[in-house]
PDB file of all heavy atoms in Angstrom:
ATOM      1  N   LEU A   1     -12.479  11.531 -11.495  1.00  0.00           N
ATOM      2  CA  LEU A   1     -13.218  12.307 -10.496  1.00  0.00           C
ATOM      3  C   LEU A   1     -14.081  13.390 -11.152  1.00  0.00           C
ATOM      4  O   LEU A   1     -14.567  14.277 -10.477  1.00  0.00           O
ATOM      5  CB  LEU A   1     -12.255  12.930  -9.484  1.00  0.00           C
ATOM      6  CG  LEU A   1     -11.376  11.947  -8.699  1.00  0.00           C
ATOM      7  CD1 LEU A   1     -10.526  12.693  -7.673  1.00  0.00           C
ATOM      8  CD2 LEU A   1     -12.200  10.872  -8.027  1.00  0.00           C
ATOM      9  N   LYS A   2     -14.287  13.286 -12.474  1.00  0.00           N
ATOM     10  CA  LYS A   2     -15.063  14.295 -13.200  1.00  0.00           C
ATOM     11  C   LYS A   2     -16.471  14.468 -12.642  1.00  0.00           C
ATOM     12  O   LYS A   2     -16.988  15.576 -12.604  1.00  0.00           O
ATOM     13  CB  LYS A   2     -15.162  13.917 -14.683  1.00  0.00           C
ATOM     14  CG  LYS A   2     -13.871  14.055 -15.442  1.00  0.00           C
ATOM     15  CD  LYS A   2     -14.059  13.605 -16.882  1.00  0.00           C
ATOM     16  CE  LYS A   2     -12.762  13.588 -17.623  1.00  0.00           C
ATOM     17  NZ  LYS A   2     -12.921  13.030 -18.976  1.00  0.00           N
ATOM     18  N   ASN A   3     -17.120  13.386 -12.251  1.00  0.00           N
ATOM     19  CA  ASN A   3     -18.500  13.437 -11.758  1.00  0.00           C
ATOM     20  C   ASN A   3     -18.581  13.077 -10.285  1.00  0.00           C
ATOM     21  O   ASN A   3     -19.565  12.475  -9.848  1.00  0.00           O
ATOM     22  CB  ASN A   3     -19.383  12.514 -12.594  1.00  0.00           C
ATOM     23  CG  ASN A   3     -19.531  13.020 -14.008  1.00  0.00           C
ATOM     24  OD1 ASN A   3     -19.735  14.216 -14.226  1.00  0.00           O
ATOM     25  ND2 ASN A   3     -19.417  12.139 -14.975  1.00  0.00           N
ATOM     26  N   VAL A   4     -17.552  13.447  -9.541  1.00  0.00           N
ATOM     27  CA  VAL A   4     -17.482  13.116  -8.126  1.00  0.00           C
ATOM     28  C   VAL A   4     -17.513  14.401  -7.298  1.00  0.00           C
ATOM     29  O   VAL A   4     -16.814  15.367  -7.609  1.00  0.00           O
ATOM     30  CB  VAL A   4     -16.202  12.302  -7.825  1.00  0.00           C
ATOM     31  CG1 VAL A   4     -15.966  12.134  -6.337  1.00  0.00           C
ATOM     32  CG2 VAL A   4     -16.275  10.954  -8.526  1.00  0.00           C
ATOM     33  N   ILE A   5     -18.319  14.408  -6.239  1.00  0.00           N
ATOM     34  CA  ILE A   5     -18.373  15.542  -5.327  1.00  0.00           C
ATOM     35  C   ILE A   5     -17.203  15.491  -4.353  1.00  0.00           C
ATOM     36  O   ILE A   5     -16.455  16.446  -4.204  1.00  0.00           O
ATOM     37  CB  ILE A   5     -19.710  15.541  -4.542  1.00  0.00           C
ATOM     38  CG1 ILE A   5     -20.893  15.653  -5.505  1.00  0.00           C
ATOM     39  CG2 ILE A   5     -19.728  16.660  -3.499  1.00  0.00           C
ATOM     40  CD1 ILE A   5     -22.236  15.363  -4.872  1.00  0.00           C
ATOM     41  N   ARG A   6     -17.056  14.363  -3.685  1.00  0.00           N
ATOM     42  CA  ARG A   6     -15.968  14.102  -2.742  1.00  0.00           C
ATOM     43  C   ARG A   6     -15.704  12.610  -2.761  1.00  0.00           C
ATOM     44  O   ARG A   6     -16.546  11.824  -3.154  1.00  0.00           O
ATOM     45  CB  ARG A   6     -16.348  14.500  -1.314  1.00  0.00           C
ATOM     46  CG  ARG A   6     -16.648  15.955  -1.132  1.00  0.00           C
ATOM     47  CD  ARG A   6     -15.689  16.617  -0.172  1.00  0.00           C
ATOM     48  NE  ARG A   6     -16.114  17.967   0.155  1.00  0.00           N
ATOM     49  CZ  ARG A   6     -15.751  19.042  -0.524  1.00  0.00           C
ATOM     50  NH1 ARG A   6     -14.986  18.934  -1.558  1.00  0.00           N
ATOM     51  NH2 ARG A   6     -16.151  20.231  -0.160  1.00  0.00           N
ATOM     52  N   GLY A   7     -14.526  12.256  -2.275  1.00  0.00           N
ATOM     53  CA  GLY A   7     -14.198  10.843  -2.241  1.00  0.00           C
ATOM     54  C   GLY A   7     -13.236  10.528  -1.115  1.00  0.00           C
ATOM     55  O   GLY A   7     -12.750  11.421  -0.408  1.00  0.00           O
ATOM     56  N   ALA A   8     -12.993   9.249  -0.954  1.00  0.00           N
ATOM     57  CA  ALA A   8     -12.025   8.784   0.032  1.00  0.00           C
ATOM     58  C   ALA A   8     -11.234   7.648  -0.589  1.00  0.00           C
ATOM     59  O   ALA A   8     -11.750   6.888  -1.399  1.00  0.00           O
ATOM     60  CB  ALA A   8     -12.728   8.312   1.294  1.00  0.00           C
ATOM     61  N   VAL A   9      -9.978   7.564  -0.166  1.00  0.00           N
ATOM     62  CA  VAL A   9      -9.138   6.422  -0.505  1.00  0.00           C
ATOM     63  C   VAL A   9      -8.878   5.721   0.819  1.00  0.00           C
ATOM     64  O   VAL A   9      -8.358   6.332   1.751  1.00  0.00           O
ATOM     65  CB  VAL A   9      -7.802   6.861  -1.150  1.00  0.00           C
ATOM     66  CG1 VAL A   9      -6.943   5.651  -1.489  1.00  0.00           C
ATOM     67  CG2 VAL A   9      -8.041   7.723  -2.375  1.00  0.00           C
ATOM     68  N   VAL A  10      -9.268   4.452   0.914  1.00  0.00           N
ATOM     69  CA  VAL A  10      -9.108   3.682   2.143  1.00  0.00           C
ATOM     70  C   VAL A  10      -8.076   2.582   1.859  1.00  0.00           C
ATOM     71  O   VAL A  10      -8.299   1.729   0.996  1.00  0.00           O
ATOM     72  CB  VAL A  10     -10.445   3.061   2.598  1.00  0.00           C
ATOM     73  CG1 VAL A  10     -10.251   2.267   3.878  1.00  0.00           C
ATOM     74  CG2 VAL A  10     -11.508   4.137   2.766  1.00  0.00           C
ATOM     75  N   VAL A  11      -6.974   2.612   2.598  1.00  0.00           N
ATOM     76  CA  VAL A  11      -5.886   1.645   2.413  1.00  0.00           C
ATOM     77  C   VAL A  11      -5.762   0.812   3.680  1.00  0.00           C
ATOM     78  O   VAL A  11      -5.702   1.365   4.784  1.00  0.00           O
ATOM     79  CB  VAL A  11      -4.549   2.362   2.119  1.00  0.00           C
ATOM     80  CG1 VAL A  11      -3.413   1.365   1.968  1.00  0.00           C
ATOM     81  CG2 VAL A  11      -4.676   3.242   0.878  1.00  0.00           C
ATOM     82  N   ASN A  12      -5.723  -0.506   3.518  1.00  0.00           N
ATOM     83  CA  ASN A  12      -5.530  -1.423   4.637  1.00  0.00           C
ATOM     84  C   ASN A  12      -4.200  -2.140   4.461  1.00  0.00           C
ATOM     85  O   ASN A  12      -3.890  -2.620   3.368  1.00  0.00           O
ATOM     86  CB  ASN A  12      -6.676  -2.440   4.691  1.00  0.00           C
ATOM     87  CG  ASN A  12      -7.959  -1.791   5.133  1.00  0.00           C
ATOM     88  OD1 ASN A  12      -8.079  -1.346   6.266  1.00  0.00           O
ATOM     89  ND2 ASN A  12      -8.929  -1.697   4.227  1.00  0.00           N
ATOM     90  N   LEU A  13      -3.428  -2.182   5.529  1.00  0.00           N
ATOM     91  CA  LEU A  13      -2.123  -2.828   5.516  1.00  0.00           C
ATOM     92  C   LEU A  13      -2.058  -3.911   6.586  1.00  0.00           C
ATOM     93  O   LEU A  13      -2.486  -3.680   7.717  1.00  0.00           O
ATOM     94  CB  LEU A  13      -1.021  -1.808   5.788  1.00  0.00           C
ATOM     95  CG  LEU A  13      -0.899  -0.672   4.770  1.00  0.00           C
ATOM     96  CD1 LEU A  13      -0.251   0.541   5.396  1.00  0.00           C
ATOM     97  CD2 LEU A  13      -0.110  -1.130   3.578  1.00  0.00           C
ATOM     98  N   THR A  14      -1.532  -5.054   6.224  1.00  0.00           N
ATOM     99  CA  THR A  14      -1.225  -6.117   7.173  1.00  0.00           C
ATOM    100  C   THR A  14       0.293  -6.233   7.178  1.00  0.00           C
ATOM    101  O   THR A  14       0.884  -6.645   6.189  1.00  0.00           O
ATOM    102  CB  THR A  14      -1.859  -7.457   6.746  1.00  0.00           C
ATOM    103  OG1 THR A  14      -3.267  -7.297   6.742  1.00  0.00           O
ATOM    104  CG2 THR A  14      -1.463  -8.582   7.696  1.00  0.00           C
ATOM    105  N   GLN A  15       0.904  -5.822   8.276  1.00  0.00           N
ATOM    106  CA  GLN A  15       2.359  -5.832   8.341  1.00  0.00           C
ATOM    107  C   GLN A  15       2.819  -6.879   9.356  1.00  0.00           C
ATOM    108  O   GLN A  15       2.881  -6.626  10.554  1.00  0.00           O
ATOM    109  CB  GLN A  15       2.876  -4.444   8.683  1.00  0.00           C
ATOM    110  CG  GLN A  15       2.555  -3.468   7.549  1.00  0.00           C
ATOM    111  CD  GLN A  15       3.363  -2.215   7.632  1.00  0.00           C
ATOM    112  OE1 GLN A  15       3.222  -1.456   8.571  1.00  0.00           O
ATOM    113  NE2 GLN A  15       4.201  -2.003   6.630  1.00  0.00           N
ATOM    114  N   ALA A  16       3.132  -8.074   8.833  1.00  0.00           N
ATOM    115  CA  ALA A  16       3.657  -9.145   9.675  1.00  0.00           C
ATOM    116  C   ALA A  16       5.070  -8.815  10.141  1.00  0.00           C
ATOM    117  O   ALA A  16       5.503  -9.255  11.200  1.00  0.00           O
ATOM    118  CB  ALA A  16       3.643 -10.462   8.913  1.00  0.00           C
ATOM    119  N   VAL A  17       5.753  -8.013   9.328  1.00  0.00           N
ATOM    120  CA  VAL A  17       7.093  -7.524   9.662  1.00  0.00           C
ATOM    121  C   VAL A  17       7.024  -6.001   9.643  1.00  0.00           C
ATOM    122  O   VAL A  17       6.512  -5.414   8.687  1.00  0.00           O
ATOM    123  CB  VAL A  17       8.147  -8.025   8.646  1.00  0.00           C
ATOM    124  CG1 VAL A  17       9.519  -7.469   8.964  1.00  0.00           C
ATOM    125  CG2 VAL A  17       8.167  -9.541   8.600  1.00  0.00           C
ATOM    126  N   GLY A  18       7.511  -5.351  10.686  1.00  0.00           N
ATOM    127  CA  GLY A  18       7.467  -3.890  10.752  1.00  0.00           C
ATOM    128  C   GLY A  18       8.161  -3.243   9.571  1.00  0.00           C
ATOM    129  O   GLY A  18       9.228  -3.677   9.138  1.00  0.00           O
ATOM    130  N   HIS A  19       7.523  -2.227   9.010  1.00  0.00           N
ATOM    131  CA  HIS A  19       8.115  -1.450   7.902  1.00  0.00           C
ATOM    132  C   HIS A  19       7.407  -0.103   7.808  1.00  0.00           C
ATOM    133  O   HIS A  19       6.182  -0.034   7.927  1.00  0.00           O
ATOM    134  CB  HIS A  19       7.965  -2.192   6.567  1.00  0.00           C
ATOM    135  CG  HIS A  19       8.625  -1.468   5.433  1.00  0.00           C
ATOM    136  ND1 HIS A  19       7.925  -0.632   4.591  1.00  0.00           N
ATOM    137  CD2 HIS A  19       9.906  -1.420   5.039  1.00  0.00           C
ATOM    138  CE1 HIS A  19       8.760  -0.110   3.707  1.00  0.00           C
ATOM    139  NE2 HIS A  19       9.972  -0.583   3.965  1.00  0.00           N
ATOM    140  N   ALA A  20       8.145   0.945   7.601  1.00  0.00           N
ATOM    141  CA  ALA A  20       7.589   2.294   7.438  1.00  0.00           C
ATOM    142  C   ALA A  20       7.133   2.461   5.979  1.00  0.00           C
ATOM    143  O   ALA A  20       7.757   3.147   5.180  1.00  0.00           O
ATOM    144  CB  ALA A  20       8.623   3.343   7.818  1.00  0.00           C
ATOM    145  N   THR A  21       6.039   1.810   5.631  1.00  0.00           N
ATOM    146  CA  THR A  21       5.523   1.804   4.258  1.00  0.00           C
ATOM    147  C   THR A  21       4.855   3.142   3.954  1.00  0.00           C
ATOM    148  O   THR A  21       4.067   3.643   4.745  1.00  0.00           O
ATOM    149  CB  THR A  21       4.507   0.660   4.080  1.00  0.00           C
ATOM    150  OG1 THR A  21       5.143  -0.577   4.425  1.00  0.00           O
ATOM    151  CG2 THR A  21       4.009   0.592   2.653  1.00  0.00           C
ATOM    152  N   GLN A  22       5.175   3.687   2.770  1.00  0.00           N
ATOM    153  CA  GLN A  22       4.586   4.954   2.355  1.00  0.00           C
ATOM    154  C   GLN A  22       3.409   4.697   1.417  1.00  0.00           C
ATOM    155  O   GLN A  22       3.494   3.884   0.502  1.00  0.00           O
ATOM    156  CB  GLN A  22       5.617   5.836   1.655  1.00  0.00           C
ATOM    157  CG  GLN A  22       5.055   7.208   1.290  1.00  0.00           C
ATOM    158  CD  GLN A  22       6.061   8.094   0.573  1.00  0.00           C
ATOM    159  OE1 GLN A  22       6.902   7.622  -0.161  1.00  0.00           O
ATOM    160  NE2 GLN A  22       5.945   9.390   0.786  1.00  0.00           N
ATOM    161  N   VAL A  23       2.324   5.424   1.662  1.00  0.00           N
ATOM    162  CA  VAL A  23       1.145   5.413   0.809  1.00  0.00           C
ATOM    163  C   VAL A  23       1.029   6.811   0.231  1.00  0.00           C
ATOM    164  O   VAL A  23       1.093   7.792   0.968  1.00  0.00           O
ATOM    165  CB  VAL A  23      -0.124   5.066   1.619  1.00  0.00           C
ATOM    166  CG1 VAL A  23      -1.346   5.053   0.722  1.00  0.00           C
ATOM    167  CG2 VAL A  23       0.044   3.744   2.365  1.00  0.00           C
ATOM    168  N   TYR A  24       0.884   6.939  -1.095  1.00  0.00           N
ATOM    169  CA  TYR A  24       0.847   8.268  -1.681  1.00  0.00           C
ATOM    170  C   TYR A  24      -0.124   8.332  -2.849  1.00  0.00           C
ATOM    171  O   TYR A  24      -0.516   7.319  -3.404  1.00  0.00           O
ATOM    172  CB  TYR A  24       2.243   8.735  -2.091  1.00  0.00           C
ATOM    173  CG  TYR A  24       3.108   7.720  -2.802  1.00  0.00           C
ATOM    174  CD1 TYR A  24       3.324   7.800  -4.163  1.00  0.00           C
ATOM    175  CD2 TYR A  24       3.718   6.681  -2.104  1.00  0.00           C
ATOM    176  CE1 TYR A  24       4.122   6.880  -4.813  1.00  0.00           C
ATOM    177  CE2 TYR A  24       4.513   5.747  -2.742  1.00  0.00           C
ATOM    178  CZ  TYR A  24       4.701   5.857  -4.107  1.00  0.00           C
ATOM    179  OH  TYR A  24       5.485   4.935  -4.757  1.00  0.00           O
ATOM    180  N   LEU A  25      -0.524   9.561  -3.187  1.00  0.00           N
ATOM    181  CA  LEU A  25      -1.534   9.811  -4.206  1.00  0.00           C
ATOM    182  C   LEU A  25      -0.913  10.401  -5.468  1.00  0.00           C
ATOM    183  O   LEU A  25      -0.013  11.244  -5.395  1.00  0.00           O
ATOM    184  CB  LEU A  25      -2.587  10.779  -3.664  1.00  0.00           C
ATOM    185  CG  LEU A  25      -3.308  10.319  -2.395  1.00  0.00           C
ATOM    186  CD1 LEU A  25      -4.214  11.430  -1.876  1.00  0.00           C
ATOM    187  CD2 LEU A  25      -4.091   9.047  -2.644  1.00  0.00           C
ATOM    188  N   TYR A  26      -1.420   9.942  -6.604  1.00  0.00           N
ATOM    189  CA  TYR A  26      -0.999  10.446  -7.911  1.00  0.00           C
ATOM    190  C   TYR A  26      -2.227  10.956  -8.653  1.00  0.00           C
ATOM    191  O   TYR A  26      -3.359  10.539  -8.381  1.00  0.00           O
ATOM    192  CB  TYR A  26      -0.359   9.329  -8.733  1.00  0.00           C
ATOM    193  CG  TYR A  26       1.148   9.317  -8.680  1.00  0.00           C
ATOM    194  CD1 TYR A  26       1.830   9.127  -7.485  1.00  0.00           C
ATOM    195  CD2 TYR A  26       1.903   9.490  -9.826  1.00  0.00           C
ATOM    196  CE1 TYR A  26       3.203   9.116  -7.427  1.00  0.00           C
ATOM    197  CE2 TYR A  26       3.290   9.479  -9.788  1.00  0.00           C
ATOM    198  CZ  TYR A  26       3.934   9.286  -8.592  1.00  0.00           C
ATOM    199  OH  TYR A  26       5.303   9.286  -8.559  1.00  0.00           O
ATOM    200  N   GLN A  27      -1.997  11.823  -9.626  1.00  0.00           N
ATOM    201  CA  GLN A  27      -3.059  12.332 -10.485  1.00  0.00           C
ATOM    202  C   GLN A  27      -2.644  12.121 -11.938  1.00  0.00           C
ATOM    203  O   GLN A  27      -1.449  12.000 -12.231  1.00  0.00           O
ATOM    204  CB  GLN A  27      -3.304  13.815 -10.204  1.00  0.00           C
ATOM    205  CG  GLN A  27      -2.087  14.692 -10.402  1.00  0.00           C
ATOM    206  CD  GLN A  27      -2.323  16.108  -9.943  1.00  0.00           C
ATOM    207  OE1 GLN A  27      -3.424  16.615  -9.976  1.00  0.00           O
ATOM    208  NE2 GLN A  27      -1.249  16.777  -9.513  1.00  0.00           N
ATOM    209  N   ALA A  28      -3.630  12.050 -12.824  1.00  0.00           N
ATOM    210  CA  ALA A  28      -3.357  11.861 -14.247  1.00  0.00           C
ATOM    211  C   ALA A  28      -4.454  12.538 -15.055  1.00  0.00           C
ATOM    212  O   ALA A  28      -5.483  12.950 -14.521  1.00  0.00           O
ATOM    213  CB  ALA A  28      -3.289  10.372 -14.585  1.00  0.00           C
ATOM    214  N   LYS A  29      -4.224  12.614 -16.368  1.00  0.00           N
ATOM    215  CA  LYS A  29      -5.192  13.262 -17.250  1.00  0.00           C
ATOM    216  C   LYS A  29      -6.285  12.329 -17.735  1.00  0.00           C
ATOM    217  O   LYS A  29      -7.285  12.778 -18.277  1.00  0.00           O
ATOM    218  CB  LYS A  29      -4.465  13.906 -18.423  1.00  0.00           C
ATOM    219  CG  LYS A  29      -3.595  15.071 -17.980  1.00  0.00           C
ATOM    220  CD  LYS A  29      -2.957  15.795 -19.146  1.00  0.00           C
ATOM    221  CE  LYS A  29      -2.181  17.017 -18.621  1.00  0.00           C
ATOM    222  NZ  LYS A  29      -1.532  17.743 -19.719  1.00  0.00           N
ATOM    223  N   ASP A  30      -6.095  11.022 -17.565  1.00  0.00           N
ATOM    224  CA  ASP A  30      -7.123  10.048 -17.921  1.00  0.00           C
ATOM    225  C   ASP A  30      -6.902   8.775 -17.114  1.00  0.00           C
ATOM    226  O   ASP A  30      -5.899   8.649 -16.412  1.00  0.00           O
ATOM    227  CB  ASP A  30      -7.139   9.777 -19.435  1.00  0.00           C
ATOM    228  CG  ASP A  30      -5.809   9.279 -19.981  1.00  0.00           C
ATOM    229  OD1 ASP A  30      -5.114   8.498 -19.285  1.00  0.00           O
ATOM    230  OD2 ASP A  30      -5.458   9.655 -21.109  1.00  0.00           O
ATOM    231  N   VAL A  31      -7.838   7.832 -17.243  1.00  0.00           N
ATOM    232  CA  VAL A  31      -7.753   6.605 -16.439  1.00  0.00           C
ATOM    233  C   VAL A  31      -6.670   5.652 -16.931  1.00  0.00           C
ATOM    234  O   VAL A  31      -6.404   4.640 -16.292  1.00  0.00           O
ATOM    235  CB  VAL A  31      -9.117   5.875 -16.347  1.00  0.00           C
ATOM    236  CG1 VAL A  31     -10.118   6.728 -15.582  1.00  0.00           C
ATOM    237  CG2 VAL A  31      -9.627   5.469 -17.710  1.00  0.00           C
ATOM    238  N   SER A  32      -6.016   5.994 -18.040  1.00  0.00           N
ATOM    239  CA  SER A  32      -4.866   5.214 -18.500  1.00  0.00           C
ATOM    240  C   SER A  32      -3.577   5.681 -17.835  1.00  0.00           C
ATOM    241  O   SER A  32      -2.534   5.071 -18.022  1.00  0.00           O
ATOM    242  CB  SER A  32      -4.717   5.329 -20.024  1.00  0.00           C
ATOM    243  OG  SER A  32      -5.857   4.800 -20.665  1.00  0.00           O
ATOM    244  N   GLY A  33      -3.646   6.789 -17.098  1.00  0.00           N
ATOM    245  CA  GLY A  33      -2.470   7.300 -16.391  1.00  0.00           C
ATOM    246  C   GLY A  33      -1.641   8.287 -17.189  1.00  0.00           C
ATOM    247  O   GLY A  33      -0.482   8.539 -16.852  1.00  0.00           O
ATOM    248  N   THR A  34      -2.214   8.891 -18.221  1.00  0.00           N
ATOM    249  CA  THR A  34      -1.480   9.849 -19.046  1.00  0.00           C
ATOM    250  C   THR A  34      -0.934  10.998 -18.209  1.00  0.00           C
ATOM    251  O   THR A  34      -1.667  11.612 -17.429  1.00  0.00           O
ATOM    252  CB  THR A  34      -2.394  10.401 -20.164  1.00  0.00           C
ATOM    253  OG1 THR A  34      -2.843   9.302 -20.974  1.00  0.00           O
ATOM    254  CG2 THR A  34      -1.675  11.419 -21.030  1.00  0.00           C
ATOM    255  N   ASP A  35       0.350  11.273 -18.365  1.00  0.00           N
ATOM    256  CA  ASP A  35       1.057  12.369 -17.674  1.00  0.00           C
ATOM    257  C   ASP A  35       0.975  12.265 -16.150  1.00  0.00           C
ATOM    258  O   ASP A  35       0.971  13.285 -15.440  1.00  0.00           O
ATOM    259  CB  ASP A  35       0.537  13.744 -18.125  1.00  0.00           C
ATOM    260  CG  ASP A  35       0.801  14.019 -19.593  1.00  0.00           C
ATOM    261  OD1 ASP A  35       1.799  13.478 -20.131  1.00  0.00           O
ATOM    262  OD2 ASP A  35       0.032  14.773 -20.207  1.00  0.00           O
ATOM    263  N   ALA A  36       0.928  11.049 -15.637  1.00  0.00           N
ATOM    264  CA  ALA A  36       0.803  10.845 -14.186  1.00  0.00           C
ATOM    265  C   ALA A  36       1.908  11.566 -13.428  1.00  0.00           C
ATOM    266  O   ALA A  36       3.063  11.583 -13.845  1.00  0.00           O
ATOM    267  CB  ALA A  36       0.842   9.358 -13.860  1.00  0.00           C
ATOM    268  N   LYS A  37       1.505  12.176 -12.317  1.00  0.00           N
ATOM    269  CA  LYS A  37       2.449  12.866 -11.443  1.00  0.00           C
ATOM    270  C   LYS A  37       1.877  12.882 -10.033  1.00  0.00           C
ATOM    271  O   LYS A  37       0.669  12.722  -9.845  1.00  0.00           O
ATOM    272  CB  LYS A  37       2.720  14.277 -11.934  1.00  0.00           C
ATOM    273  CG  LYS A  37       1.523  15.211 -11.858  1.00  0.00           C
ATOM    274  CD  LYS A  37       1.883  16.616 -12.330  1.00  0.00           C
ATOM    275  CE  LYS A  37       0.714  17.589 -12.142  1.00  0.00           C
ATOM    276  NZ  LYS A  37       1.073  18.954 -12.505  1.00  0.00           N
ATOM    277  N   PRO A  38       2.728  13.075  -9.033  1.00  0.00           N
ATOM    278  CA  PRO A  38       2.224  13.118  -7.657  1.00  0.00           C
ATOM    279  C   PRO A  38       1.213  14.247  -7.465  1.00  0.00           C
ATOM    280  O   PRO A  38       1.334  15.313  -8.081  1.00  0.00           O
ATOM    281  CB  PRO A  38       3.473  13.374  -6.819  1.00  0.00           C
ATOM    282  CG  PRO A  38       4.612  12.914  -7.670  1.00  0.00           C
ATOM    283  CD  PRO A  38       4.187  13.206  -9.084  1.00  0.00           C
ATOM    284  N   LEU A  39       0.231  14.008  -6.631  1.00  0.00           N
ATOM    285  CA  LEU A  39      -0.694  15.069  -6.230  1.00  0.00           C
ATOM    286  C   LEU A  39       0.123  16.122  -5.493  1.00  0.00           C
ATOM    287  O   LEU A  39       0.988  15.783  -4.683  1.00  0.00           O
ATOM    288  CB  LEU A  39      -1.784  14.481  -5.322  1.00  0.00           C
ATOM    289  CG  LEU A  39      -2.958  15.382  -4.979  1.00  0.00           C
ATOM    290  CD1 LEU A  39      -3.773  15.698  -6.222  1.00  0.00           C
ATOM    291  CD2 LEU A  39      -3.845  14.712  -3.954  1.00  0.00           C
ATOM    292  N   THR A  40      -0.111  17.387  -5.780  1.00  0.00           N
ATOM    293  CA  THR A  40       0.686  18.447  -5.147  1.00  0.00           C
ATOM    294  C   THR A  40      -0.084  19.207  -4.076  1.00  0.00           C
ATOM    295  O   THR A  40       0.525  19.765  -3.171  1.00  0.00           O
ATOM    296  CB  THR A  40       1.202  19.445  -6.207  1.00  0.00           C
ATOM    297  OG1 THR A  40       0.103  19.924  -6.973  1.00  0.00           O
ATOM    298  CG2 THR A  40       2.209  18.775  -7.131  1.00  0.00           C
ATOM    299  N   ASN A  41      -1.393  19.253  -4.169  1.00  0.00           N
ATOM    300  CA  ASN A  41      -2.206  19.942  -3.165  1.00  0.00           C
ATOM    301  C   ASN A  41      -2.564  18.967  -2.045  1.00  0.00           C
ATOM    302  O   ASN A  41      -3.075  17.882  -2.306  1.00  0.00           O
ATOM    303  CB  ASN A  41      -3.479  20.508  -3.802  1.00  0.00           C
ATOM    304  CG  ASN A  41      -3.164  21.566  -4.830  1.00  0.00           C
ATOM    305  OD1 ASN A  41      -2.370  22.458  -4.583  1.00  0.00           O
ATOM    306  ND2 ASN A  41      -3.787  21.476  -5.993  1.00  0.00           N
ATOM    307  N   THR A  42      -2.325  19.363  -0.824  1.00  0.00           N
ATOM    308  CA  THR A  42      -2.541  18.465   0.310  1.00  0.00           C
ATOM    309  C   THR A  42      -4.018  18.196   0.565  1.00  0.00           C
ATOM    310  O   THR A  42      -4.878  19.027   0.237  1.00  0.00           O
ATOM    311  CB  THR A  42      -1.904  19.029   1.589  1.00  0.00           C
ATOM    312  OG1 THR A  42      -2.513  20.278   1.909  1.00  0.00           O
ATOM    313  CG2 THR A  42      -0.405  19.204   1.423  1.00  0.00           C
ATOM    314  N   VAL A  43      -4.278  17.027   1.133  1.00  0.00           N
ATOM    315  CA  VAL A  43      -5.637  16.595   1.463  1.00  0.00           C
ATOM    316  C   VAL A  43      -5.647  16.085   2.908  1.00  0.00           C
ATOM    317  O   VAL A  43      -4.601  15.719   3.452  1.00  0.00           O
ATOM    318  CB  VAL A  43      -6.125  15.496   0.501  1.00  0.00           C
ATOM    319  CG1 VAL A  43      -6.185  16.013  -0.933  1.00  0.00           C
ATOM    320  CG2 VAL A  43      -5.262  14.244   0.597  1.00  0.00           C
TER     321      VAL A  43
END
């Protein structure tokens, strides 16, 4: 997101069987996922 003003994550789910599926955001220091951890600031 170095050269990004704003963005969106759009997730589509097809649930043939009901399930309370969780979708969550992570952050990292590079695109390889170095030091990945959950995003802490709400969006």
